[in-house]
Protein backbone atom coordinates (compact mmCIF):
# COMPACT_ATOMS: atom_id res chain seq x y z
CA MET A 1 98.23 133.37 93.29
CA LYS A 2 100.39 131.29 90.97
CA LYS A 3 104.16 131.58 91.12
CA ASN A 4 106.21 131.48 87.93
CA LEU A 5 109.89 130.80 87.39
CA VAL A 6 112.00 132.53 84.75
CA PHE A 7 115.45 130.93 84.68
CA TYR A 8 118.44 131.64 82.45
CA CYS A 9 121.21 129.06 82.31
CA PHE A 10 124.47 129.08 80.35
CA PHE A 11 125.91 125.64 79.68
CA SER A 12 129.53 125.30 78.61
CA ASP A 13 129.11 121.52 78.24
CA ILE A 14 125.75 119.78 78.54
CA LYS A 15 127.49 116.41 78.94
CA ASN A 16 129.80 117.62 81.72
CA ILE A 17 127.96 120.33 83.68
CA ASP A 18 130.17 122.44 85.94
CA GLU A 19 129.73 122.27 89.74
CA PRO A 20 128.25 125.77 90.28
CA THR A 21 125.60 125.14 87.61
CA LEU A 22 124.84 121.70 89.07
CA LEU A 23 124.29 123.37 92.44
CA SER A 24 121.79 125.80 90.89
CA LEU A 25 119.98 122.93 89.19
CA ASN A 26 119.88 120.90 92.40
CA LEU A 27 118.43 123.89 94.24
CA LEU A 28 115.74 124.30 91.59
CA ARG A 29 114.93 120.63 92.13
CA GLU A 30 114.85 121.23 95.90
CA TYR A 31 112.33 124.05 95.50
CA LYS A 32 110.41 122.84 92.45
CA ASN A 33 107.10 122.79 94.35
CA VAL A 34 107.29 126.53 94.96
CA PHE A 35 106.44 127.14 91.31
CA SER A 36 102.79 126.46 90.58
CA GLY A 37 102.77 128.50 87.38
CA GLN A 38 105.00 128.55 84.31
CA LYS A 39 108.60 127.38 84.31
CA ILE A 40 110.25 129.45 81.57
CA ILE A 41 113.83 128.38 80.91
CA TYR A 42 116.31 129.96 78.50
CA ALA A 43 119.31 127.69 77.96
CA ALA A 44 122.31 129.38 76.31
CA PHE A 45 125.10 127.62 74.44
CA ASP A 46 128.11 128.76 72.44
CA ASP A 47 127.04 126.33 69.71
CA PRO A 48 123.27 125.86 70.10
CA GLN A 49 122.94 123.96 66.82
CA SER A 50 124.93 121.08 68.28
CA ILE A 51 122.62 120.55 71.25
CA ASN A 52 120.29 117.57 71.45
CA PHE A 53 117.05 118.92 72.90
CA ASN A 54 116.29 115.61 74.63
CA ASP A 55 119.56 115.88 76.56
CA LEU A 56 118.58 119.35 77.72
CA LYS A 57 115.04 118.27 78.56
CA GLU A 58 116.47 115.54 80.76
CA VAL A 59 118.46 118.11 82.76
CA PHE A 60 115.17 119.81 83.73
CA SER A 61 113.10 116.63 84.01
CA PHE A 62 112.30 117.39 87.67
CA PHE A 63 109.87 120.04 86.37
CA THR A 64 106.50 119.18 84.86
CA ASP A 65 106.05 120.82 81.44
CA PRO A 66 108.91 123.34 81.52
CA GLN A 67 109.07 125.79 78.62
CA ILE A 68 112.63 125.42 77.41
CA LYS A 69 114.22 127.52 74.68
CA ILE A 70 117.75 127.04 73.35
CA VAL A 71 119.49 130.32 72.52
CA PRO A 72 122.99 131.45 71.46
CA ASN A 73 125.22 132.61 74.30
CA ASN A 74 126.13 136.30 74.28
CA SER A 75 129.35 136.56 76.27
CA GLU A 76 129.00 140.34 76.65
CA ASN A 77 125.34 140.73 77.59
CA ARG A 78 124.98 137.33 79.28
CA GLU A 79 121.57 136.83 80.93
CA SER A 80 120.42 140.35 80.05
CA GLU A 81 120.31 139.38 76.36
CA TYR A 82 117.07 137.42 76.84
CA PHE A 83 115.58 138.87 80.02
CA ILE A 84 112.79 140.97 78.49
CA GLU A 85 112.05 138.32 75.87
CA SER A 86 111.68 135.65 78.53
CA LEU A 87 109.28 137.79 80.58
CA LYS A 88 107.05 138.27 77.55
CA ASN A 89 106.32 134.52 77.66
CA ILE A 90 104.35 134.92 80.90
CA ILE A 91 100.67 134.22 80.19
CA ASP A 92 98.93 134.80 83.53
CA VAL A 93 99.82 138.31 84.70
CA ASN A 94 97.86 137.79 87.93
CA SER A 95 100.88 136.01 89.34
CA LEU A 96 104.20 136.37 91.11
CA THR A 97 107.37 135.65 89.16
CA PHE A 98 110.83 134.69 90.38
CA TYR A 99 113.82 135.46 88.18
CA ALA A 100 117.10 133.57 88.63
CA HIS A 101 120.12 132.39 86.65
CA ASN A 102 123.06 130.06 87.12
CA LYS A 103 125.99 131.76 88.79
CA GLY A 104 129.72 131.17 88.82
CA SER A 105 129.82 128.67 85.96
CA THR A 106 133.38 129.71 85.08
CA HIS A 107 134.65 129.52 88.68
CA LYS A 108 135.66 126.81 91.11
CA LEU A 109 132.93 126.01 93.62
CA ASP A 110 134.62 127.09 96.86
CA SER A 111 132.76 127.71 100.14
CA SER A 112 132.13 131.41 99.43
CA LEU A 113 130.59 130.74 95.99
CA LYS A 114 128.54 127.88 97.41
CA ASN A 115 127.15 130.20 100.10
CA TRP A 116 126.42 132.84 97.47
CA ILE A 117 124.45 130.44 95.24
CA LEU A 118 122.67 128.69 98.11
CA ALA A 119 121.70 131.97 99.77
CA MET A 120 120.25 133.32 96.51
CA PHE A 121 117.82 130.42 96.27
CA PHE A 122 117.30 129.65 99.96
CA PHE A 123 116.38 133.08 101.29
CA ASN A 124 114.31 133.98 98.24
CA LEU A 125 112.37 130.72 98.22
CA GLU A 126 112.17 129.79 101.92
CA MET A 127 110.68 133.09 103.04
CA LYS A 128 107.07 134.01 102.32
CA VAL A 129 106.71 136.48 99.48
CA ASP A 130 104.04 139.13 100.11
CA ILE A 131 104.16 141.73 97.35
CA SER A 132 101.33 144.21 97.81
CA ASN A 133 100.13 146.85 95.38
CA ASP A 134 102.81 149.21 96.64
CA ILE A 135 105.65 146.68 96.61
CA ILE A 136 106.64 145.39 93.18
CA PHE A 137 110.04 143.75 93.81
CA SER A 138 111.25 141.44 96.57
CA GLY A 139 114.73 139.97 96.91
CA ILE A 140 117.78 139.58 99.14
CA LEU A 141 121.13 141.35 99.49
CA ARG A 142 119.61 144.71 98.63
CA LYS A 143 122.29 147.38 98.37
CA ILE A 144 121.06 150.92 98.87
CA VAL A 145 123.99 152.68 97.32
CA LYS A 146 124.92 154.16 93.96
CA ILE A 147 127.61 152.20 92.13
CA ASN A 148 129.46 153.58 89.12
CA ASP A 149 128.64 150.56 86.96
CA LEU A 150 124.91 150.90 87.69
CA ASP A 151 122.60 153.76 86.79
CA CYS A 152 120.31 153.36 89.81
CA ASP A 153 120.35 154.13 93.53
CA TRP A 154 119.58 150.61 94.77
CA HIS A 155 119.82 147.04 93.47
CA TYR A 156 119.72 143.39 94.45
CA SER A 157 123.25 142.06 94.49
CA GLY A 158 123.33 138.86 92.45
CA ALA A 159 120.19 139.78 90.46
CA PHE A 160 117.74 137.20 91.83
CA PHE A 161 114.35 138.70 92.63
CA TRP A 162 110.58 138.24 92.78
CA PHE A 163 108.17 140.66 91.16
CA ASN A 164 104.42 141.21 91.02
CA THR A 165 103.85 140.41 87.36
CA LYS A 166 100.75 142.52 86.77
CA ASN A 167 102.11 145.56 88.59
CA LEU A 168 105.47 145.41 86.82
CA PHE A 169 103.82 145.11 83.41
CA ALA A 170 101.68 148.14 84.25
CA ILE A 171 104.79 150.33 84.45
CA LYS A 172 105.42 152.36 81.33
CA ASN A 173 108.46 151.04 79.46
CA TRP A 174 108.82 148.01 81.73
CA ASP A 175 110.21 146.21 78.68
CA VAL A 176 112.90 148.80 77.97
CA MET A 177 116.31 147.80 79.29
CA LYS A 178 119.83 148.53 78.14
CA LYS A 179 121.57 145.18 77.76
CA GLY A 180 124.89 144.64 79.48
CA ARG A 181 126.73 142.66 82.11
CA MET A 182 125.21 144.61 85.03
CA SER A 183 121.79 145.27 83.49
CA LEU A 184 119.91 142.71 85.59
CA GLU A 185 121.40 144.15 88.78
CA SER A 186 120.04 147.59 87.95
CA TYR A 187 116.70 146.65 86.34
CA PRO A 188 114.50 146.81 89.48
CA GLY A 189 116.10 150.06 90.67
CA ASN A 190 115.56 151.59 87.24
CA LYS A 191 111.85 150.78 87.27
CA VAL A 192 110.77 151.68 90.82
CA ASN A 193 112.06 153.68 93.75
CA LEU A 194 113.32 152.04 96.92
CA GLU A 195 109.97 152.26 98.70
CA ARG A 196 108.43 149.87 96.18
CA SER A 197 110.95 147.14 96.95
CA GLN A 198 111.67 144.92 99.92
CA SER A 199 114.52 142.73 101.11
CA LYS A 200 113.72 139.47 102.87
CA PHE A 201 117.27 138.76 104.05
CA VAL A 202 119.61 141.73 104.41
CA SER A 203 119.90 145.32 103.20
CA GLU A 204 123.04 147.44 103.32
CA PHE A 205 123.61 151.16 102.87
CA TYR A 206 127.07 150.55 101.43
CA ASN A 207 128.70 148.34 98.83
CA PHE A 208 129.78 145.06 100.40
CA HIS A 209 131.31 141.92 98.96
CA MET A 210 130.34 138.51 100.27
CA ASN A 211 133.34 136.45 101.40
CA ASP A 212 133.58 133.63 103.92
CA GLU A 213 133.91 135.96 106.91
CA LEU A 214 130.89 138.04 105.94
CA TRP A 215 128.79 134.95 105.26
CA GLU A 216 129.63 133.62 108.73
CA LYS A 217 128.57 136.91 110.31
CA THR A 218 125.35 137.13 108.27
CA ILE A 219 124.13 133.55 108.14
CA CYS A 220 123.97 132.79 111.84
CA PRO A 221 121.21 131.84 114.33
CA GLY A 222 121.29 135.28 115.93
CA LEU A 223 120.28 137.03 112.70
CA ILE A 224 118.09 134.52 110.87
CA GLY A 225 116.76 132.40 113.73
CA GLU A 226 117.68 128.92 114.92
CA ASP A 227 115.16 127.00 112.77
CA LEU A 228 116.05 128.75 109.51
CA TYR A 229 119.75 128.40 110.26
CA LYS A 230 119.43 124.65 110.89
CA LYS A 231 117.54 124.21 107.61
CA TYR A 232 120.19 126.20 105.73
CA ILE A 233 122.99 124.03 107.14
CA THR A 234 121.03 120.86 106.37
CA ILE A 235 120.69 121.84 102.71
CA TRP A 236 124.34 122.99 102.60
CA LYS A 237 125.47 119.54 103.75
CA LYS A 238 123.09 117.71 101.44
CA LEU A 239 124.23 119.64 98.36
């Protein structure tokens, strides 16, 4: 089964890309061979008319035939502004699709943010994705708790996730989503109940925040295995 990528990326300066966004791009390059299907990329800019498409194409040149669309940045809705639109570009519904976006572009790339970004890509793309007819979504950092800002009982913290394309599109009103800053967090939990999701890395029955101490407790050989831990550290050092 082919695997698609849907990626949203906000660029504040295409000529001087911030460190967190560069890390996301380098991780996409690291895992480019995972995606045998479409590579659908929405690139957002505050002034899209000023962007040279060839400059943008060069940024994603590690992909073969990416589908890149330049769009205006919406500072309120962020990645949710184009989520449903981007999914409607998927041609082969008999596929698996991974959704991701650049994170932390307005922040300094400290060790906690680097772990956050690396973990989002690493644990979603290193681990085998097996989404059966009953399981529609797969991701990491699944929180099984109701949060005031979200209108669902569970969500993937960070809003990176896989989905079974055909099975998601078979859900009535799959393309209905209220746009907002936390909309992507709540989208899977608004479409299916917990039993139709899985977490490949960690699930929590409370609201937790990832800081350096929690990353050290979670990303360790005892929890993820020696081989996976060594590979994580190798990529951490390389990037």
